[in-house]
Amino acid sequence: MKPEVIELPGVETLDLVVRNVDGQGVLFTRDGKLLGYQVAHVGHYYYDGHKSERVTMYRATFVVQDMKPDVPE
């Protein structure tokens, strides 16, 4: 199972890396920049698929202060 990459015109696509910081998984961009507003102690690993198709996934939670609604006006 290969993840789908969504490309948007004018928006840079970044590779993400999960790193262990004080026992917690934390997301960084491939060039080493920490992604901001990650909520502590909520990122976790989980598995998707079965047997040979099983892949390790990582889920993180972020604090969002201002977010535009995705409902068309």
N, C-alpha and C. Protein backbone atom coordinates (compact mmCIF):
# COMPACT_ATOMS: atom_id res chain seq x y z
N MET A 1 0.84 -1.17 0.00
CA MET A 1 0.00 0.00 0.00
C MET A 1 0.89 1.23 0.00
N LYS A 2 0.86 1.98 -1.06
CA LYS A 2 1.69 3.16 -1.19
C LYS A 2 0.85 4.41 -0.91
N PRO A 3 1.36 5.32 -0.06
CA PRO A 3 0.58 6.52 0.23
C PRO A 3 0.38 7.38 -1.01
N GLU A 4 -0.74 8.05 -1.07
CA GLU A 4 -1.04 8.92 -2.19
C GLU A 4 -0.45 10.30 -1.93
N VAL A 5 0.22 10.86 -2.91
CA VAL A 5 0.77 12.20 -2.80
C VAL A 5 -0.15 13.15 -3.56
N ILE A 6 -0.62 14.15 -2.86
CA ILE A 6 -1.49 15.15 -3.49
C ILE A 6 -0.65 16.39 -3.77
N GLU A 7 -0.57 16.77 -5.01
CA GLU A 7 0.20 17.95 -5.38
C GLU A 7 -0.74 19.08 -5.75
N LEU A 8 -0.45 20.25 -5.20
CA LEU A 8 -1.23 21.45 -5.48
C LEU A 8 -0.36 22.46 -6.18
N PRO A 9 -0.86 23.13 -7.22
CA PRO A 9 -0.06 24.14 -7.91
C PRO A 9 0.37 25.24 -6.95
N GLY A 10 1.66 25.56 -6.97
CA GLY A 10 2.18 26.64 -6.14
C GLY A 10 2.43 26.26 -4.69
N VAL A 11 2.22 24.98 -4.32
CA VAL A 11 2.43 24.53 -2.94
C VAL A 11 3.53 23.48 -2.96
N GLU A 12 4.57 23.71 -2.14
CA GLU A 12 5.70 22.80 -2.08
C GLU A 12 5.32 21.51 -1.35
N THR A 13 5.72 20.36 -1.89
CA THR A 13 5.50 19.08 -1.24
C THR A 13 6.75 18.73 -0.45
N LEU A 14 6.59 18.40 0.84
CA LEU A 14 7.71 18.11 1.72
C LEU A 14 7.68 16.65 2.17
N ASP A 15 8.87 16.06 2.33
CA ASP A 15 8.98 14.75 2.96
C ASP A 15 8.99 14.95 4.47
N LEU A 16 8.31 14.05 5.20
CA LEU A 16 8.28 14.13 6.65
C LEU A 16 9.07 12.99 7.26
N VAL A 17 9.68 13.25 8.42
CA VAL A 17 10.46 12.26 9.14
C VAL A 17 9.98 12.26 10.59
N VAL A 18 9.78 11.07 11.16
CA VAL A 18 9.43 10.95 12.58
C VAL A 18 10.73 10.71 13.34
N ARG A 19 11.00 11.56 14.33
CA ARG A 19 12.21 11.41 15.15
C ARG A 19 11.82 11.25 16.60
N ASN A 20 12.65 10.52 17.34
CA ASN A 20 12.41 10.30 18.76
C ASN A 20 13.05 11.44 19.54
N VAL A 21 12.23 12.21 20.25
CA VAL A 21 12.72 13.30 21.10
C VAL A 21 12.21 13.03 22.51
N ASP A 22 13.12 12.70 23.41
CA ASP A 22 12.76 12.39 24.80
C ASP A 22 11.66 11.32 24.88
N GLY A 23 11.76 10.30 24.04
CA GLY A 23 10.81 9.20 24.08
C GLY A 23 9.51 9.44 23.35
N GLN A 24 9.37 10.60 22.69
CA GLN A 24 8.15 10.92 21.95
C GLN A 24 8.45 11.02 20.47
N GLY A 25 7.55 10.49 19.63
CA GLY A 25 7.70 10.67 18.19
C GLY A 25 7.32 12.10 17.82
N VAL A 26 8.17 12.77 17.08
CA VAL A 26 7.94 14.16 16.69
C VAL A 26 8.18 14.28 15.19
N LEU A 27 7.33 15.05 14.50
CA LEU A 27 7.46 15.21 13.05
C LEU A 27 8.39 16.36 12.68
N PHE A 28 9.28 16.07 11.74
CA PHE A 28 10.18 17.06 11.17
C PHE A 28 10.07 16.98 9.64
N THR A 29 10.42 18.06 8.96
CA THR A 29 10.58 17.98 7.51
C THR A 29 11.92 17.32 7.22
N ARG A 30 12.09 16.83 6.02
CA ARG A 30 13.31 16.12 5.64
C ARG A 30 14.56 16.99 5.86
N ASP A 31 14.43 18.32 5.74
CA ASP A 31 15.59 19.20 5.93
C ASP A 31 15.82 19.55 7.41
N GLY A 32 15.11 18.88 8.34
CA GLY A 32 15.38 19.03 9.76
C GLY A 32 14.57 20.07 10.49
N LYS A 33 13.57 20.68 9.84
CA LYS A 33 12.77 21.70 10.50
C LYS A 33 11.62 21.05 11.26
N LEU A 34 11.49 21.42 12.52
CA LEU A 34 10.42 20.91 13.37
C LEU A 34 9.09 21.49 12.92
N LEU A 35 8.06 20.63 12.81
CA LEU A 35 6.72 21.13 12.51
C LEU A 35 6.11 21.68 13.78
N GLY A 36 5.64 22.89 13.74
CA GLY A 36 5.15 23.57 14.93
C GLY A 36 3.78 23.13 15.37
N TYR A 37 3.45 23.46 16.60
CA TYR A 37 2.13 23.26 17.20
C TYR A 37 1.75 21.79 17.33
N GLN A 38 2.73 20.91 17.49
CA GLN A 38 2.42 19.51 17.73
C GLN A 38 2.03 19.35 19.20
N VAL A 39 0.97 18.65 19.45
CA VAL A 39 0.50 18.43 20.81
C VAL A 39 1.32 17.30 21.43
N ALA A 40 1.89 17.55 22.59
CA ALA A 40 2.78 16.58 23.23
C ALA A 40 2.01 15.32 23.65
N HIS A 41 2.69 14.21 23.63
CA HIS A 41 2.21 12.93 24.14
C HIS A 41 1.00 12.38 23.38
N VAL A 42 0.78 12.79 22.14
CA VAL A 42 -0.35 12.23 21.41
C VAL A 42 0.05 11.57 20.10
N GLY A 43 1.27 11.76 19.65
CA GLY A 43 1.70 11.07 18.44
C GLY A 43 1.90 9.60 18.76
N HIS A 44 1.53 8.73 17.84
CA HIS A 44 1.72 7.31 18.08
C HIS A 44 1.84 6.53 16.78
N TYR A 45 2.49 5.38 16.89
CA TYR A 45 2.63 4.48 15.76
C TYR A 45 1.45 3.52 15.73
N TYR A 46 1.07 3.12 14.54
CA TYR A 46 0.06 2.08 14.39
C TYR A 46 0.33 1.34 13.08
N TYR A 47 -0.32 0.25 12.88
CA TYR A 47 -0.08 -0.58 11.70
C TYR A 47 -1.32 -0.61 10.83
N ASP A 48 -1.09 -0.61 9.51
CA ASP A 48 -2.18 -0.65 8.55
C ASP A 48 -1.91 -1.80 7.60
N GLY A 49 -2.90 -2.62 7.34
CA GLY A 49 -2.75 -3.74 6.43
C GLY A 49 -2.45 -5.04 7.18
N HIS A 50 -2.24 -6.10 6.40
CA HIS A 50 -2.03 -7.42 6.99
C HIS A 50 -0.85 -8.11 6.31
N LYS A 51 -0.14 -8.91 7.08
CA LYS A 51 0.97 -9.75 6.62
C LYS A 51 1.95 -8.97 5.77
N SER A 52 2.19 -9.38 4.52
CA SER A 52 3.23 -8.73 3.70
C SER A 52 2.87 -7.31 3.30
N GLU A 53 1.58 -6.96 3.39
CA GLU A 53 1.16 -5.60 3.03
C GLU A 53 1.08 -4.67 4.25
N ARG A 54 1.47 -5.19 5.41
CA ARG A 54 1.39 -4.39 6.64
C ARG A 54 2.47 -3.32 6.64
N VAL A 55 2.06 -2.08 6.89
CA VAL A 55 3.01 -0.97 6.94
C VAL A 55 2.86 -0.23 8.27
N THR A 56 3.97 0.33 8.73
CA THR A 56 3.96 1.12 9.96
C THR A 56 3.56 2.54 9.62
N MET A 57 2.59 3.06 10.35
CA MET A 57 2.11 4.43 10.14
C MET A 57 2.37 5.23 11.40
N TYR A 58 2.35 6.55 11.28
CA TYR A 58 2.51 7.42 12.43
C TYR A 58 1.44 8.49 12.38
N ARG A 59 0.78 8.71 13.50
CA ARG A 59 -0.29 9.71 13.57
C ARG A 59 0.10 10.75 14.61
N ALA A 60 -0.05 12.02 14.27
CA ALA A 60 0.24 13.11 15.20
C ALA A 60 -0.95 14.06 15.24
N THR A 61 -1.03 14.83 16.31
CA THR A 61 -2.10 15.80 16.48
C THR A 61 -1.48 17.19 16.59
N PHE A 62 -2.16 18.18 16.02
CA PHE A 62 -1.66 19.54 16.01
C PHE A 62 -2.71 20.49 16.56
N VAL A 63 -2.24 21.54 17.22
CA VAL A 63 -3.12 22.60 17.69
C VAL A 63 -3.32 23.58 16.54
N VAL A 64 -4.58 23.88 16.22
CA VAL A 64 -4.88 24.84 15.17
C VAL A 64 -5.69 25.98 15.76
N GLN A 65 -5.15 27.20 15.71
CA GLN A 65 -5.85 28.34 16.29
C GLN A 65 -6.85 28.94 15.32
N ASP A 66 -6.42 29.17 14.10
CA ASP A 66 -7.30 29.76 13.07
C ASP A 66 -7.31 28.87 11.86
N MET A 67 -8.50 28.44 11.48
CA MET A 67 -8.61 27.55 10.32
C MET A 67 -9.81 27.96 9.51
N LYS A 68 -9.59 28.14 8.22
CA LYS A 68 -10.69 28.52 7.34
C LYS A 68 -11.62 27.33 7.16
N PRO A 69 -12.92 27.56 7.13
CA PRO A 69 -13.84 26.44 6.91
C PRO A 69 -13.67 25.90 5.49
N ASP A 70 -13.88 24.59 5.33
CA ASP A 70 -13.76 24.00 4.00
C ASP A 70 -15.10 23.89 3.28
N VAL A 71 -16.09 24.58 3.83
CA VAL A 71 -17.41 24.60 3.22
C VAL A 71 -17.47 25.74 2.19
N PRO A 72 -17.85 25.46 0.95
CA PRO A 72 -17.92 26.53 -0.04
C PRO A 72 -18.89 27.64 0.38
N GLU A 73 -18.50 28.87 0.11
CA GLU A 73 -19.38 29.99 0.46
C GLU A 73 -20.38 30.27 -0.63
